[in-house]
Amino acid sequence: MTFKAYLAEPLIKNITSVLDPIAMSDDSHIPKRDGQRAAAVLLPLVFREKSWQVLLTRRPLHMARHPGQIAFPGGRTEKGEQPYEAALRETHEEIGVAARGVHLLGRLPSFNAASQYRVTPFIGLLDPAAEIRPDAGEVEEVFELPFGFFMNPDNHVQRDIEIEGVAYTLYDMPWPDTDKPTHHVWGMTAMIMYRLYQRLTALDGYDAA
């Protein structure tokens, strides 16, 4: 099945309809805080057998920042790079999938992460035939979980936190359940999926299955 065929599927058409254009028409992705860095990530969707999956990575325990955390492929935007170029480059570097193996659908608004990054999330389709070759220095594990799981509000666990005196409500998404999760999806990764969920559920007749 080609990317063109996937783009005609109702779910993918719905996702594309709620995303912002790939190209940046403003400076919303540019850091505004002192010491802040620009970054971009890719939320990769891949069709396996009969359902859409989200590809995720687990960071190695030896990493200085966020060891063991579940994340999307992504990282810092280099000088002269557009955000989407950074997301594609980092995806290639981290899991071995070149840009030709990804079809970008669009992006969600840039935001300030709890760390010193201004992050721009992109959503894209991954070629199911693409060979996954994780970089052992950056990725401990690559795995896929059902997209529908993350779009089901029954799987969103509310967590209220405070950062530098500001209150935030976050939603963890532990897989397969809260009692004995094998993959604890939380933080920025869960937040990006929750923001996509918010946009999709505003559509009439939305169904993540």
Protein backbone atom coordinates (compact mmCIF):
# COMPACT_ATOMS: atom_id res chain seq x y z
CA MET A 1 0.00 0.00 0.00
CA THR A 2 1.38 3.42 -0.94
CA PHE A 3 1.35 6.65 1.03
CA LYS A 4 -1.27 7.95 -1.44
CA ALA A 5 -3.59 5.09 -0.51
CA TYR A 6 -3.09 5.66 3.22
CA LEU A 7 -3.90 9.35 2.81
CA ALA A 8 -7.37 8.40 1.55
CA GLU A 9 -8.22 6.50 4.74
CA PRO A 10 -10.82 8.27 6.95
CA LEU A 11 -8.65 8.35 10.07
CA ILE A 12 -5.67 9.82 8.25
CA LYS A 13 -7.89 12.37 6.51
CA ASN A 14 -9.26 13.38 9.93
CA ILE A 15 -5.80 13.71 11.43
CA THR A 16 -4.56 15.78 8.50
CA SER A 17 -7.58 18.07 8.75
CA VAL A 18 -6.80 19.09 12.34
CA LEU A 19 -3.08 19.75 11.85
CA ASP A 20 -1.29 22.98 11.03
CA PRO A 21 0.71 23.23 7.78
CA ILE A 22 4.19 21.68 7.72
CA ALA A 23 5.86 24.93 6.73
CA MET A 24 6.15 27.63 9.38
CA SER A 25 4.47 30.91 8.44
CA ASP A 26 5.45 32.69 11.66
CA ASP A 27 8.14 32.61 14.34
CA SER A 28 6.17 30.59 16.90
CA HIS A 29 8.82 27.85 16.81
CA ILE A 30 11.65 30.23 17.71
CA PRO A 31 12.73 30.19 21.39
CA LYS A 32 11.70 33.25 23.37
CA ARG A 33 13.41 32.50 26.69
CA ASP A 34 17.05 33.02 27.53
CA GLY A 35 18.98 29.79 27.11
CA GLN A 36 16.10 28.02 25.39
CA ARG A 37 16.80 25.83 22.34
CA ALA A 38 14.58 24.92 19.40
CA ALA A 39 13.71 21.26 18.90
CA ALA A 40 11.38 19.14 16.78
CA VAL A 41 9.91 15.65 17.15
CA LEU A 42 8.03 13.23 14.93
CA LEU A 43 4.95 11.30 16.01
CA PRO A 44 5.18 8.39 13.54
CA LEU A 45 2.07 6.44 12.58
CA VAL A 46 2.47 3.09 10.84
CA PHE A 47 -0.18 0.68 9.56
CA ARG A 48 0.32 -2.93 10.69
CA GLU A 49 -2.11 -5.62 9.55
CA LYS A 50 -5.49 -4.08 10.46
CA SER A 51 -4.74 -1.07 12.67
CA TRP A 52 -2.68 2.07 13.06
CA GLN A 53 0.22 1.99 15.49
CA VAL A 54 2.33 4.71 17.09
CA LEU A 55 6.08 4.14 16.92
CA LEU A 56 7.88 5.07 20.12
CA THR A 57 11.40 4.81 21.50
CA ARG A 58 12.86 4.29 24.92
CA ARG A 59 15.94 6.30 25.86
CA PRO A 60 18.95 4.40 27.25
CA LEU A 61 19.52 4.46 30.99
CA HIS A 62 23.03 5.84 30.53
CA MET A 63 21.82 9.12 29.03
CA ALA A 64 22.29 12.23 31.15
CA ARG A 65 18.85 13.65 30.25
CA HIS A 66 15.61 11.72 30.73
CA PRO A 67 17.17 8.22 31.01
CA GLY A 68 14.74 5.41 30.31
CA GLN A 69 11.96 7.77 29.23
CA ILE A 70 9.61 6.87 26.38
CA ALA A 71 9.87 9.42 23.59
CA PHE A 72 9.26 10.21 19.96
CA PRO A 73 12.22 10.48 17.58
CA GLY A 74 13.47 14.06 17.73
CA GLY A 75 15.98 16.53 19.02
CA ARG A 76 17.57 19.93 18.60
CA THR A 77 17.08 22.00 15.48
CA GLU A 78 20.42 22.81 13.91
CA LYS A 79 21.39 26.21 12.53
CA GLY A 80 19.72 26.88 9.18
CA GLU A 81 17.28 23.97 9.59
CA GLN A 82 13.53 24.19 9.34
CA PRO A 83 11.68 22.38 12.15
CA TYR A 84 10.37 19.65 9.83
CA GLU A 85 13.90 19.05 8.54
CA ALA A 86 15.11 18.58 12.11
CA ALA A 87 12.33 16.08 12.85
CA LEU A 88 13.18 14.04 9.75
CA ARG A 89 16.93 14.18 10.37
CA GLU A 90 16.58 13.09 13.98
CA THR A 91 14.26 10.26 12.94
CA HIS A 92 16.93 9.05 10.51
CA GLU A 93 19.67 9.35 13.11
CA GLU A 94 17.74 7.67 15.92
CA ILE A 95 15.84 4.84 14.22
CA GLY A 96 17.47 4.64 10.78
CA VAL A 97 14.46 5.64 8.67
CA ALA A 98 15.38 8.16 5.95
CA ALA A 99 13.12 11.04 4.93
CA ARG A 100 11.80 9.09 1.93
CA GLY A 101 10.31 6.59 4.37
CA VAL A 102 8.18 9.26 6.07
CA HIS A 103 5.22 11.24 4.74
CA LEU A 104 4.54 14.29 6.91
CA LEU A 105 0.87 15.12 7.46
CA GLY A 106 1.31 18.38 9.38
CA ARG A 107 2.18 19.67 12.82
CA LEU A 108 0.82 20.72 16.17
CA PRO A 109 1.62 24.14 17.65
CA SER A 110 5.09 24.65 19.11
CA PHE A 111 5.27 24.76 22.90
CA ASN A 112 7.69 25.25 25.78
CA ALA A 113 8.75 21.94 27.27
CA ALA A 114 9.52 21.62 30.98
CA SER A 115 13.17 21.40 29.91
CA GLN A 116 14.81 24.31 28.12
CA TYR A 117 13.37 23.54 24.70
CA ARG A 118 10.83 25.09 22.39
CA VAL A 119 9.39 21.98 20.70
CA THR A 120 7.54 21.64 17.40
CA PRO A 121 5.73 18.27 16.99
CA PHE A 122 5.09 16.80 13.54
CA ILE A 123 2.82 13.89 12.70
CA GLY A 124 3.78 11.63 9.83
CA LEU A 125 3.17 8.26 8.22
CA LEU A 126 5.95 5.71 8.36
CA ASP A 127 6.50 3.32 5.47
CA PRO A 128 5.63 -0.11 6.97
CA ALA A 129 8.40 -1.63 4.85
CA ALA A 130 11.04 0.71 6.27
CA GLU A 131 13.83 -1.04 8.14
CA ILE A 132 14.13 0.14 11.75
CA ARG A 133 17.79 0.43 12.75
CA PRO A 134 18.00 2.14 16.16
CA ASP A 135 21.15 3.98 17.19
CA ALA A 136 22.23 2.18 20.36
CA GLY A 137 23.75 5.38 21.72
CA GLU A 138 20.39 7.18 21.68
CA VAL A 139 17.74 4.47 21.63
CA GLU A 140 17.38 1.50 23.96
CA GLU A 141 14.20 0.13 22.39
CA VAL A 142 11.84 0.82 19.49
CA PHE A 143 8.27 -0.42 19.83
CA GLU A 144 4.75 0.22 18.57
CA LEU A 145 1.49 0.63 20.48
CA PRO A 146 -2.08 1.04 19.15
CA PHE A 147 -2.98 4.59 18.17
CA GLY A 148 -6.56 3.99 19.32
CA PHE A 149 -5.35 3.31 22.86
CA PHE A 150 -3.93 6.83 23.16
CA MET A 151 -7.04 8.42 21.69
CA ASN A 152 -9.32 6.72 24.25
CA PRO A 153 -9.99 9.02 27.25
CA ASP A 154 -10.41 5.95 29.49
CA ASN A 155 -6.63 5.52 29.16
CA HIS A 156 -5.74 9.08 30.20
CA VAL A 157 -4.62 9.34 33.82
CA GLN A 158 -4.78 12.90 35.13
CA ARG A 159 -1.77 14.19 37.04
CA ASP A 160 -1.59 17.70 38.53
CA ILE A 161 1.87 19.17 39.01
CA GLU A 162 3.50 22.49 39.76
CA ILE A 163 6.58 23.83 37.96
CA GLU A 164 8.18 27.06 39.15
CA GLY A 165 4.97 28.04 40.91
CA VAL A 166 2.71 27.37 37.92
CA ALA A 167 0.07 24.62 38.12
CA TYR A 168 -0.28 22.20 35.20
CA THR A 169 -2.63 19.33 34.45
CA LEU A 170 -0.99 16.49 32.55
CA TYR A 171 -2.27 13.13 31.37
CA ASP A 172 -0.23 9.95 31.67
CA MET A 173 -1.03 7.06 29.33
CA PRO A 174 0.35 3.83 30.88
CA TRP A 175 0.20 0.77 28.62
CA PRO A 176 -1.65 -1.56 28.87
CA ASP A 177 -3.15 -0.37 32.18
CA THR A 178 -2.40 1.70 35.26
CA ASP A 179 -1.83 -1.26 37.61
CA LYS A 180 0.99 -3.04 35.79
CA PRO A 181 2.18 -0.90 32.89
CA THR A 182 4.89 -2.34 30.69
CA HIS A 183 5.36 1.04 29.02
CA HIS A 184 4.74 4.18 31.03
CA VAL A 185 4.00 6.93 28.49
CA TRP A 186 4.02 10.29 30.25
CA GLY A 187 5.51 13.79 30.15
CA MET A 188 6.00 15.51 26.81
CA THR A 189 5.25 12.36 24.80
CA ALA A 190 1.84 11.86 26.40
CA MET A 191 1.14 15.60 26.22
CA ILE A 192 1.66 15.67 22.45
CA MET A 193 -0.71 12.74 21.98
CA TYR A 194 -3.24 14.36 24.30
CA ARG A 195 -3.15 17.57 22.24
CA LEU A 196 -3.77 15.56 19.09
CA TYR A 197 -6.63 13.80 20.89
CA GLN A 198 -8.17 17.16 21.80
CA ARG A 199 -8.16 18.28 18.19
CA LEU A 200 -9.52 15.02 16.83
CA THR A 201 -12.35 14.72 19.34
CA ALA A 202 -13.59 18.14 18.28
CA LEU A 203 -14.51 16.58 14.92
CA ASP A 204 -18.03 15.27 14.40
CA GLY A 205 -18.17 11.49 14.23
CA TYR A 206 -14.52 10.96 15.09
CA ASP A 207 -13.45 7.34 15.57
CA ALA A 208 -9.83 6.39 16.37
CA ALA A 209 -10.30 2.67 15.60
